[in-house]
Amino acid sequence: MKPDLSGLKAVAQALEKAGIAYALGGSGLLYSLGLAETVNDWDVMTEAQQDVVERSLRDFDVAEKKSGDFPFATAYKLMVRFRDGQPPVEMIGSFAIRSEQGLCRLPAIPSSRWEGIWTGSAEVWYAAYSLMQRTEKAELLLAYLRKHGVDREAVRRLLEEPLPPAIKAELSALHRRQDR
């Protein structure tokens, strides 16, 4: 069953009206790519400052959510809730995850439009799910990238981060493969 997109669309419109760049990630990204059948919430990434995002969402029911438990080092999280059972929207400000190599910043890179909403980078979410040890979701995205190719700039940015060697090796291999 298709999830209700009306709340997500309303949040996206408010962000766009305020000039805030954002990118749908997590299971919403997987769903948009046809790699998942369900969505419990919508993860929306942004690099915008928290107060700017809060102002843009003043017409919604927004609560700050605890963030930063190891290994996460995200600057902030906001939960936009809807009373009619729609999936909530979780705003993730400056997404970051610690690895043994250091703090990995996972940029909010808008990739394409789906249902009028900017979706995020499959490359970024491959790295994120790998760092979170959510292997099944990481493998889905890796297979997708092998089939559809990569955004070279997204890979370049990720390779500048202190990612574990195995993740860097996969991203590098995808990057080289596209050169052929």
N, C-alpha and C. Protein backbone atom coordinates (compact mmCIF):
# COMPACT_ATOMS: atom_id res chain seq x y z
N MET A 1 0.84 -1.19 0.00
CA MET A 1 0.00 0.00 0.00
C MET A 1 0.88 1.25 0.00
N LYS A 2 0.55 2.18 -0.85
CA LYS A 2 1.32 3.42 -0.96
C LYS A 2 1.13 4.27 0.30
N PRO A 3 2.24 4.74 0.90
CA PRO A 3 2.09 5.57 2.09
C PRO A 3 1.50 6.94 1.73
N ASP A 4 0.87 7.55 2.71
CA ASP A 4 0.30 8.88 2.53
C ASP A 4 1.46 9.88 2.42
N LEU A 5 1.53 10.59 1.33
CA LEU A 5 2.61 11.55 1.08
C LEU A 5 2.23 12.99 1.41
N SER A 6 0.99 13.23 1.81
CA SER A 6 0.53 14.62 1.95
C SER A 6 1.33 15.40 3.01
N GLY A 7 1.63 14.78 4.14
CA GLY A 7 2.41 15.47 5.16
C GLY A 7 3.83 15.75 4.69
N LEU A 8 4.46 14.76 4.08
CA LEU A 8 5.80 14.94 3.54
C LEU A 8 5.82 16.04 2.49
N LYS A 9 4.83 16.05 1.61
CA LYS A 9 4.77 17.08 0.58
C LYS A 9 4.59 18.46 1.19
N ALA A 10 3.76 18.57 2.22
CA ALA A 10 3.54 19.86 2.88
C ALA A 10 4.83 20.37 3.53
N VAL A 11 5.58 19.46 4.17
CA VAL A 11 6.86 19.84 4.79
C VAL A 11 7.84 20.27 3.70
N ALA A 12 7.91 19.50 2.61
CA ALA A 12 8.82 19.83 1.51
C ALA A 12 8.49 21.21 0.93
N GLN A 13 7.21 21.49 0.76
CA GLN A 13 6.80 22.79 0.23
C GLN A 13 7.20 23.92 1.18
N ALA A 14 7.04 23.70 2.49
CA ALA A 14 7.43 24.73 3.46
C ALA A 14 8.93 24.98 3.43
N LEU A 15 9.71 23.91 3.32
CA LEU A 15 11.16 24.06 3.24
C LEU A 15 11.55 24.80 1.97
N GLU A 16 10.96 24.41 0.85
CA GLU A 16 11.29 25.07 -0.42
C GLU A 16 10.88 26.53 -0.41
N LYS A 17 9.73 26.84 0.18
CA LYS A 17 9.27 28.23 0.26
C LYS A 17 10.27 29.08 1.05
N ALA A 18 10.89 28.47 2.06
CA ALA A 18 11.88 29.18 2.89
C ALA A 18 13.28 29.14 2.27
N GLY A 19 13.42 28.50 1.12
CA GLY A 19 14.72 28.43 0.46
C GLY A 19 15.68 27.45 1.10
N ILE A 20 15.16 26.44 1.79
CA ILE A 20 15.99 25.45 2.49
C ILE A 20 16.16 24.22 1.61
N ALA A 21 17.41 23.90 1.33
CA ALA A 21 17.71 22.67 0.57
C ALA A 21 17.51 21.47 1.50
N TYR A 22 16.98 20.41 0.94
CA TYR A 22 16.72 19.19 1.72
C TYR A 22 16.84 18.00 0.79
N ALA A 23 16.87 16.81 1.37
CA ALA A 23 16.93 15.58 0.59
C ALA A 23 16.28 14.45 1.39
N LEU A 24 15.34 13.77 0.78
CA LEU A 24 14.69 12.62 1.39
C LEU A 24 15.66 11.45 1.43
N GLY A 25 15.81 10.83 2.58
CA GLY A 25 16.71 9.69 2.71
C GLY A 25 16.02 8.53 3.40
N GLY A 26 16.83 7.63 3.95
CA GLY A 26 16.32 6.49 4.71
C GLY A 26 15.38 5.61 3.92
N SER A 27 14.37 5.07 4.62
CA SER A 27 13.44 4.16 3.97
C SER A 27 12.59 4.87 2.92
N GLY A 28 12.41 6.19 3.06
CA GLY A 28 11.69 6.96 2.04
C GLY A 28 12.45 6.96 0.72
N LEU A 29 13.77 7.10 0.80
CA LEU A 29 14.60 7.02 -0.41
C LEU A 29 14.49 5.62 -1.00
N LEU A 30 14.63 4.59 -0.16
CA LEU A 30 14.50 3.22 -0.64
C LEU A 30 13.15 3.01 -1.33
N TYR A 31 12.09 3.52 -0.72
CA TYR A 31 10.75 3.39 -1.29
C TYR A 31 10.68 4.09 -2.65
N SER A 32 11.22 5.30 -2.72
CA SER A 32 11.17 6.06 -3.97
C SER A 32 11.92 5.37 -5.10
N LEU A 33 12.93 4.57 -4.76
CA LEU A 33 13.72 3.84 -5.75
C LEU A 33 13.14 2.46 -6.07
N GLY A 34 12.03 2.10 -5.41
CA GLY A 34 11.42 0.79 -5.62
C GLY A 34 12.13 -0.32 -4.87
N LEU A 35 12.91 0.04 -3.83
CA LEU A 35 13.68 -0.94 -3.08
C LEU A 35 13.06 -1.31 -1.73
N ALA A 36 11.94 -0.68 -1.39
CA ALA A 36 11.23 -0.98 -0.14
C ALA A 36 9.74 -0.84 -0.40
N GLU A 37 8.96 -1.58 0.38
CA GLU A 37 7.51 -1.55 0.20
C GLU A 37 6.79 -0.74 1.28
N THR A 38 7.49 -0.42 2.36
CA THR A 38 6.86 0.32 3.45
C THR A 38 7.76 1.46 3.94
N VAL A 39 7.11 2.41 4.58
CA VAL A 39 7.81 3.55 5.18
C VAL A 39 7.16 3.81 6.54
N ASN A 40 7.98 3.81 7.59
CA ASN A 40 7.45 4.12 8.92
C ASN A 40 7.50 5.61 9.22
N ASP A 41 8.53 6.27 8.71
CA ASP A 41 8.64 7.72 8.81
C ASP A 41 9.46 8.20 7.63
N TRP A 42 9.46 9.50 7.43
CA TRP A 42 10.21 10.10 6.32
C TRP A 42 11.43 10.79 6.91
N ASP A 43 12.62 10.35 6.53
CA ASP A 43 13.86 10.98 6.97
C ASP A 43 14.24 12.05 5.96
N VAL A 44 14.27 13.29 6.40
CA VAL A 44 14.60 14.41 5.52
C VAL A 44 15.86 15.07 6.06
N MET A 45 16.90 15.07 5.24
CA MET A 45 18.19 15.64 5.62
C MET A 45 18.28 17.09 5.16
N THR A 46 19.00 17.90 5.92
CA THR A 46 19.28 19.27 5.53
C THR A 46 20.59 19.72 6.19
N GLU A 47 21.19 20.72 5.60
CA GLU A 47 22.38 21.34 6.20
C GLU A 47 22.01 22.66 6.86
N ALA A 48 20.74 23.05 6.76
CA ALA A 48 20.29 24.33 7.31
C ALA A 48 20.36 24.33 8.84
N GLN A 49 20.54 25.50 9.39
CA GLN A 49 20.58 25.66 10.85
C GLN A 49 19.20 25.32 11.45
N GLN A 50 19.20 24.82 12.66
CA GLN A 50 17.98 24.38 13.31
C GLN A 50 16.94 25.49 13.42
N ASP A 51 17.35 26.68 13.83
CA ASP A 51 16.37 27.76 14.01
C ASP A 51 15.71 28.15 12.69
N VAL A 52 16.44 28.07 11.59
CA VAL A 52 15.90 28.39 10.27
C VAL A 52 14.86 27.33 9.89
N VAL A 53 15.17 26.07 10.12
CA VAL A 53 14.23 24.99 9.82
C VAL A 53 12.99 25.12 10.70
N GLU A 54 13.19 25.38 11.98
CA GLU A 54 12.04 25.51 12.88
C GLU A 54 11.11 26.64 12.44
N ARG A 55 11.69 27.77 12.02
CA ARG A 55 10.85 28.88 11.55
C ARG A 55 10.05 28.47 10.31
N SER A 56 10.66 27.72 9.42
CA SER A 56 9.96 27.32 8.20
C SER A 56 8.82 26.34 8.49
N LEU A 57 8.91 25.64 9.62
CA LEU A 57 7.91 24.63 9.98
C LEU A 57 6.99 25.09 11.11
N ARG A 58 6.90 26.38 11.32
CA ARG A 58 6.12 26.91 12.46
C ARG A 58 4.63 26.55 12.41
N ASP A 59 4.12 26.22 11.22
CA ASP A 59 2.70 25.87 11.10
C ASP A 59 2.43 24.38 11.34
N PHE A 60 3.46 23.64 11.72
CA PHE A 60 3.34 22.20 11.95
C PHE A 60 3.55 21.87 13.43
N ASP A 61 3.18 20.65 13.81
CA ASP A 61 3.44 20.14 15.16
C ASP A 61 4.86 19.56 15.15
N VAL A 62 5.81 20.34 15.66
CA VAL A 62 7.23 19.98 15.61
C VAL A 62 7.77 19.83 17.03
N ALA A 63 8.50 18.78 17.25
CA ALA A 63 9.16 18.56 18.55
C ALA A 63 10.62 18.22 18.29
N GLU A 64 11.49 18.72 19.15
CA GLU A 64 12.89 18.35 19.04
C GLU A 64 13.05 16.93 19.56
N LYS A 65 13.86 16.16 18.86
CA LYS A 65 14.09 14.76 19.21
C LYS A 65 15.54 14.62 19.63
N LYS A 66 15.79 13.79 20.62
CA LYS A 66 17.15 13.55 21.08
C LYS A 66 18.00 13.02 19.93
N SER A 67 19.19 13.55 19.80
CA SER A 67 20.11 13.06 18.77
C SER A 67 21.51 13.03 19.35
N GLY A 68 22.38 12.31 18.69
CA GLY A 68 23.77 12.31 19.10
C GLY A 68 24.22 11.10 19.87
N ASP A 69 23.32 10.10 20.12
CA ASP A 69 23.78 8.88 20.78
C ASP A 69 24.77 8.17 19.88
N PHE A 70 25.85 7.67 20.46
CA PHE A 70 26.89 7.00 19.69
C PHE A 70 26.28 5.88 18.86
N PRO A 71 26.61 5.75 17.61
CA PRO A 71 27.67 6.44 16.87
C PRO A 71 27.22 7.71 16.16
N PHE A 72 25.98 8.13 16.39
CA PHE A 72 25.45 9.28 15.67
C PHE A 72 26.00 10.59 16.23
N ALA A 73 26.24 11.53 15.34
CA ALA A 73 26.74 12.85 15.73
C ALA A 73 26.00 13.94 14.96
N THR A 74 24.75 13.68 14.66
CA THR A 74 23.90 14.61 13.95
C THR A 74 23.69 15.85 14.80
N ALA A 75 23.69 17.03 14.16
CA ALA A 75 23.57 18.29 14.90
C ALA A 75 22.24 18.39 15.64
N TYR A 76 21.15 18.00 14.97
CA TYR A 76 19.82 18.07 15.60
C TYR A 76 18.85 17.19 14.84
N LYS A 77 17.76 16.86 15.51
CA LYS A 77 16.64 16.16 14.88
C LYS A 77 15.35 16.83 15.33
N LEU A 78 14.45 16.99 14.39
CA LEU A 78 13.12 17.52 14.67
C LEU A 78 12.11 16.52 14.13
N MET A 79 11.06 16.28 14.89
CA MET A 79 10.01 15.37 14.45
C MET A 79 8.76 16.19 14.14
N VAL A 80 8.29 16.07 12.91
CA VAL A 80 7.04 16.72 12.49
C VAL A 80 5.97 15.63 12.53
N ARG A 81 5.00 15.84 13.41
CA ARG A 81 3.95 14.83 13.60
C ARG A 81 2.64 15.30 12.98
N PHE A 82 1.86 14.32 12.58
CA PHE A 82 0.56 14.59 11.97
C PHE A 82 -0.49 13.81 12.75
N ARG A 83 -1.63 14.40 12.95
CA ARG A 83 -2.67 13.80 13.79
C ARG A 83 -3.49 12.71 13.09
N ASP A 84 -3.42 12.64 11.79
CA ASP A 84 -4.29 11.71 11.06
C ASP A 84 -3.62 10.39 10.68
N GLY A 85 -2.56 10.03 11.37
CA GLY A 85 -1.93 8.74 11.14
C GLY A 85 -0.92 8.71 10.01
N GLN A 86 -0.64 9.86 9.41
CA GLN A 86 0.39 9.90 8.36
C GLN A 86 1.75 9.61 8.98
N PRO A 87 2.66 9.06 8.18
CA PRO A 87 4.02 8.87 8.71
C PRO A 87 4.62 10.21 9.10
N PRO A 88 5.28 10.29 10.26
CA PRO A 88 5.92 11.55 10.65
C PRO A 88 7.13 11.84 9.76
N VAL A 89 7.55 13.10 9.77
CA VAL A 89 8.74 13.53 9.05
C VAL A 89 9.81 13.83 10.09
N GLU A 90 10.94 13.15 9.98
CA GLU A 90 12.07 13.39 10.88
C GLU A 90 13.09 14.24 10.15
N MET A 91 13.26 15.47 10.60
CA MET A 91 14.25 16.38 10.02
C MET A 91 15.60 16.08 10.66
N ILE A 92 16.59 15.78 9.83
CA ILE A 92 17.93 15.44 10.30
C ILE A 92 18.86 16.57 9.87
N GLY A 93 19.36 17.32 10.85
CA GLY A 93 20.24 18.45 10.56
C GLY A 93 21.70 18.06 10.63
N SER A 94 22.41 18.22 9.52
CA SER A 94 23.84 17.92 9.42
C SER A 94 24.13 16.49 9.90
N PHE A 95 23.62 15.55 9.16
CA PHE A 95 23.74 14.11 9.44
C PHE A 95 25.21 13.72 9.54
N ALA A 96 25.55 13.03 10.61
CA ALA A 96 26.93 12.57 10.80
C ALA A 96 26.94 11.31 11.66
N ILE A 97 27.88 10.42 11.35
CA ILE A 97 28.04 9.17 12.09
C ILE A 97 29.53 8.96 12.35
N ARG A 98 29.85 8.56 13.57
CA ARG A 98 31.25 8.28 13.91
C ARG A 98 31.63 6.88 13.43
N SER A 99 32.85 6.79 12.91
CA SER A 99 33.42 5.50 12.57
C SER A 99 34.72 5.37 13.36
N GLU A 100 35.36 4.22 13.26
CA GLU A 100 36.66 4.06 13.93
C GLU A 100 37.69 5.03 13.37
N GLN A 101 37.46 5.50 12.14
CA GLN A 101 38.39 6.40 11.49
C GLN A 101 38.13 7.87 11.82
N GLY A 102 36.95 8.19 12.38
CA GLY A 102 36.62 9.57 12.71
C GLY A 102 35.17 9.89 12.42
N LEU A 103 34.87 11.18 12.42
CA LEU A 103 33.50 11.66 12.22
C LEU A 103 33.21 11.77 10.73
N CYS A 104 32.23 11.01 10.27
CA CYS A 104 31.84 11.00 8.86
C CYS A 104 30.61 11.89 8.69
N ARG A 105 30.79 12.96 7.95
CA ARG A 105 29.67 13.85 7.63
C ARG A 105 29.01 13.34 6.36
N LEU A 106 27.71 13.16 6.45
CA LEU A 106 26.93 12.59 5.34
C LEU A 106 26.06 13.69 4.76
N PRO A 107 26.49 14.25 3.64
CA PRO A 107 25.84 15.46 3.13
C PRO A 107 24.43 15.22 2.58
N ALA A 108 23.61 16.24 2.73
CA ALA A 108 22.25 16.24 2.19
C ALA A 108 22.34 16.68 0.74
N ILE A 109 22.53 15.72 -0.15
CA ILE A 109 22.69 16.02 -1.58
C ILE A 109 21.38 15.70 -2.30
N PRO A 110 20.65 16.74 -2.73
CA PRO A 110 19.45 16.45 -3.53
C PRO A 110 19.86 15.78 -4.84
N SER A 111 19.20 14.69 -5.16
CA SER A 111 19.60 13.89 -6.32
C SER A 111 18.60 13.99 -7.47
N SER A 112 17.34 13.76 -7.17
CA SER A 112 16.30 13.83 -8.20
C SER A 112 14.96 14.11 -7.53
N ARG A 113 13.95 14.37 -8.37
CA ARG A 113 12.61 14.62 -7.86
C ARG A 113 11.78 13.35 -7.99
N TRP A 114 11.03 13.07 -6.93
CA TRP A 114 10.09 11.97 -6.91
C TRP A 114 8.82 12.50 -6.25
N GLU A 115 7.72 12.39 -6.93
CA GLU A 115 6.44 12.88 -6.40
C GLU A 115 6.54 14.35 -5.96
N GLY A 116 7.40 15.12 -6.63
CA GLY A 116 7.57 16.54 -6.30
C GLY A 116 8.49 16.80 -5.13
N ILE A 117 9.17 15.78 -4.64
CA ILE A 117 10.03 15.88 -3.45
C ILE A 117 11.47 15.58 -3.86
N TRP A 118 12.42 16.35 -3.34
CA TRP A 118 13.83 16.08 -3.61
C TRP A 118 14.26 14.83 -2.86
N THR A 119 14.77 13.86 -3.59
CA THR A 119 15.31 12.66 -2.95
C THR A 119 16.81 12.81 -2.79
N GLY A 120 17.34 12.08 -1.82
CA GLY A 120 18.76 12.18 -1.52
C GLY A 120 19.61 11.24 -2.35
N SER A 121 20.85 11.25 -2.03
CA SER A 121 21.87 10.49 -2.73
C SER A 121 21.89 9.04 -2.26
N ALA A 122 21.75 8.12 -3.22
CA ALA A 122 21.86 6.70 -2.90
C ALA A 122 23.26 6.38 -2.39
N GLU A 123 24.27 7.10 -2.88
CA GLU A 123 25.65 6.90 -2.45
C GLU A 123 25.80 7.26 -0.96
N VAL A 124 25.23 8.38 -0.56
CA VAL A 124 25.29 8.82 0.84
C VAL A 124 24.59 7.80 1.73
N TRP A 125 23.43 7.34 1.31
CA TRP A 125 22.69 6.39 2.15
C TRP A 125 23.29 5.00 2.14
N TYR A 126 23.99 4.64 1.07
CA TYR A 126 24.76 3.39 1.11
C TYR A 126 25.80 3.50 2.23
N ALA A 127 26.52 4.62 2.26
CA ALA A 127 27.54 4.82 3.30
C ALA A 127 26.90 4.87 4.69
N ALA A 128 25.79 5.58 4.82
CA ALA A 128 25.12 5.70 6.11
C ALA A 128 24.66 4.34 6.64
N TYR A 129 23.96 3.58 5.79
CA TYR A 129 23.50 2.26 6.24
C TYR A 129 24.67 1.33 6.54
N SER A 130 25.75 1.46 5.79
CA SER A 130 26.94 0.65 6.08
C SER A 130 27.52 1.02 7.44
N LEU A 131 27.61 2.31 7.72
CA LEU A 131 28.13 2.77 9.02
C LEU A 131 27.22 2.33 10.17
N MET A 132 25.91 2.28 9.92
CA MET A 132 24.95 1.87 10.94
C MET A 132 24.84 0.36 11.06
N GLN A 133 25.59 -0.35 10.22
CA GLN A 133 25.57 -1.81 10.16
C GLN A 133 24.19 -2.36 9.83
N ARG A 134 23.48 -1.63 8.99
CA ARG A 134 22.20 -2.09 8.46
C ARG A 134 22.49 -2.68 7.07
N THR A 135 23.08 -3.85 7.12
CA THR A 135 23.66 -4.49 5.94
C THR A 135 22.66 -4.70 4.82
N GLU A 136 21.46 -5.16 5.14
CA GLU A 136 20.47 -5.45 4.10
C GLU A 136 20.15 -4.20 3.28
N LYS A 137 19.93 -3.08 3.97
CA LYS A 137 19.61 -1.84 3.25
C LYS A 137 20.82 -1.33 2.48
N ALA A 138 22.00 -1.45 3.07
CA ALA A 138 23.23 -1.04 2.36
C ALA A 138 23.40 -1.86 1.09
N GLU A 139 23.16 -3.16 1.17
CA GLU A 139 23.31 -4.04 0.00
C GLU A 139 22.29 -3.71 -1.09
N LEU A 140 21.07 -3.34 -0.69
CA LEU A 140 20.07 -2.93 -1.68
C LEU A 140 20.56 -1.72 -2.46
N LEU A 141 21.10 -0.75 -1.74
CA LEU A 141 21.59 0.46 -2.40
C LEU A 141 22.83 0.19 -3.23
N LEU A 142 23.70 -0.67 -2.75
CA LEU A 142 24.90 -1.02 -3.51
C LEU A 142 24.51 -1.68 -4.83
N ALA A 143 23.56 -2.59 -4.80
CA ALA A 143 23.09 -3.24 -6.03
C ALA A 143 22.46 -2.21 -6.97
N TYR A 144 21.69 -1.29 -6.41
CA TYR A 144 21.08 -0.24 -7.21
C TYR A 144 22.16 0.60 -7.90
N LEU A 145 23.19 0.99 -7.16
CA LEU A 145 24.26 1.81 -7.72
C LEU A 145 25.05 1.05 -8.78
N ARG A 146 25.26 -0.23 -8.57
CA ARG A 146 25.95 -1.04 -9.58
C ARG A 146 25.16 -1.07 -10.88
N LYS A 147 23.85 -1.13 -10.77
CA LYS A 147 23.00 -1.20 -11.95
C LYS A 147 22.83 0.16 -12.63
N HIS A 148 22.68 1.22 -11.83
CA HIS A 148 22.31 2.53 -12.38
C HIS A 148 23.47 3.52 -12.46
N GLY A 149 24.62 3.18 -11.89
CA GLY A 149 25.74 4.12 -11.90
C GLY A 149 25.70 5.05 -10.69
N VAL A 150 26.75 5.84 -10.57
CA VAL A 150 26.89 6.70 -9.39
C VAL A 150 26.97 8.17 -9.79
N ASP A 151 26.68 9.00 -8.83
CA ASP A 151 26.90 10.44 -8.93
C ASP A 151 28.36 10.66 -8.53
N ARG A 152 29.18 10.99 -9.50
CA ARG A 152 30.63 11.10 -9.26
C ARG A 152 30.95 12.14 -8.19
N GLU A 153 30.22 13.24 -8.16
CA GLU A 153 30.48 14.27 -7.16
C GLU A 153 30.12 13.77 -5.76
N ALA A 154 29.02 13.05 -5.64
CA ALA A 154 28.64 12.49 -4.34
C ALA A 154 29.71 11.52 -3.85
N VAL A 155 30.20 10.67 -4.74
CA VAL A 155 31.27 9.73 -4.36
C VAL A 155 32.52 10.47 -3.96
N ARG A 156 32.89 11.49 -4.75
CA ARG A 156 34.08 12.27 -4.42
C ARG A 156 33.97 12.86 -3.01
N ARG A 157 32.83 13.44 -2.70
CA ARG A 157 32.63 14.04 -1.37
C ARG A 157 32.71 12.98 -0.27
N LEU A 158 32.11 11.83 -0.51
CA LEU A 158 32.14 10.77 0.50
C LEU A 158 33.56 10.25 0.71
N LEU A 159 34.33 10.14 -0.36
CA LEU A 159 35.69 9.62 -0.22
C LEU A 159 36.61 10.56 0.56
N GLU A 160 36.19 11.81 0.74
CA GLU A 160 36.94 12.75 1.57
C GLU A 160 36.68 12.54 3.06
N GLU A 161 35.66 11.77 3.38
CA GLU A 161 35.29 11.51 4.77
C GLU A 161 36.10 10.32 5.31
N PRO A 162 36.25 10.26 6.64
CA PRO A 162 36.99 9.14 7.25
C PRO A 162 36.15 7.86 7.34
N LEU A 163 35.71 7.38 6.19
CA LEU A 163 34.92 6.15 6.13
C LEU A 163 35.82 4.94 6.35
N PRO A 164 35.27 3.86 6.87
CA PRO A 164 36.04 2.62 6.99
C PRO A 164 36.54 2.16 5.62
N PRO A 165 37.66 1.48 5.59
CA PRO A 165 38.26 1.03 4.31
C PRO A 165 37.31 0.24 3.42
N ALA A 166 36.48 -0.62 3.97
CA ALA A 166 35.58 -1.44 3.14
C ALA A 166 34.57 -0.58 2.40
N ILE A 167 34.04 0.45 3.05
CA ILE A 167 33.07 1.34 2.41
C ILE A 167 33.77 2.16 1.33
N LYS A 168 34.95 2.69 1.66
CA LYS A 168 35.72 3.45 0.66
C LYS A 168 36.04 2.59 -0.55
N ALA A 169 36.39 1.33 -0.31
CA ALA A 169 36.73 0.43 -1.42
C ALA A 169 35.53 0.23 -2.34
N GLU A 170 34.35 0.02 -1.77
CA GLU A 170 33.14 -0.17 -2.59
C GLU A 170 32.83 1.09 -3.40
N LEU A 171 32.90 2.25 -2.75
CA LEU A 171 32.62 3.50 -3.45
C LEU A 171 33.65 3.75 -4.56
N SER A 172 34.90 3.49 -4.26
CA SER A 172 35.96 3.66 -5.26
C SER A 172 35.74 2.72 -6.45
N ALA A 173 35.36 1.49 -6.16
CA ALA A 173 35.11 0.52 -7.23
C ALA A 173 33.95 0.98 -8.11
N LEU A 174 32.90 1.51 -7.51
CA LEU A 174 31.77 2.02 -8.29
C LEU A 174 32.21 3.21 -9.15
N HIS A 175 33.04 4.04 -8.59
CA HIS A 175 33.53 5.23 -9.29
C HIS A 175 34.37 4.79 -10.50
N ARG A 176 35.29 3.86 -10.30
CA ARG A 176 36.14 3.36 -11.38
C ARG A 176 35.32 2.64 -12.45
N ARG A 177 34.34 1.87 -11.99
CA ARG A 177 33.49 1.11 -12.91
C ARG A 177 32.78 2.04 -13.90
N GLN A 178 32.40 3.20 -13.40
CA GLN A 178 31.70 4.17 -14.25
C GLN A 178 32.65 4.78 -15.29
N ASP A 179 33.95 4.75 -15.01
CA ASP A 179 34.94 5.26 -15.96
C ASP A 179 35.05 4.40 -17.21
N ARG A 180 34.66 3.15 -17.10
CA ARG A 180 34.80 2.21 -18.24
C ARG A 180 33.84 2.49 -19.35
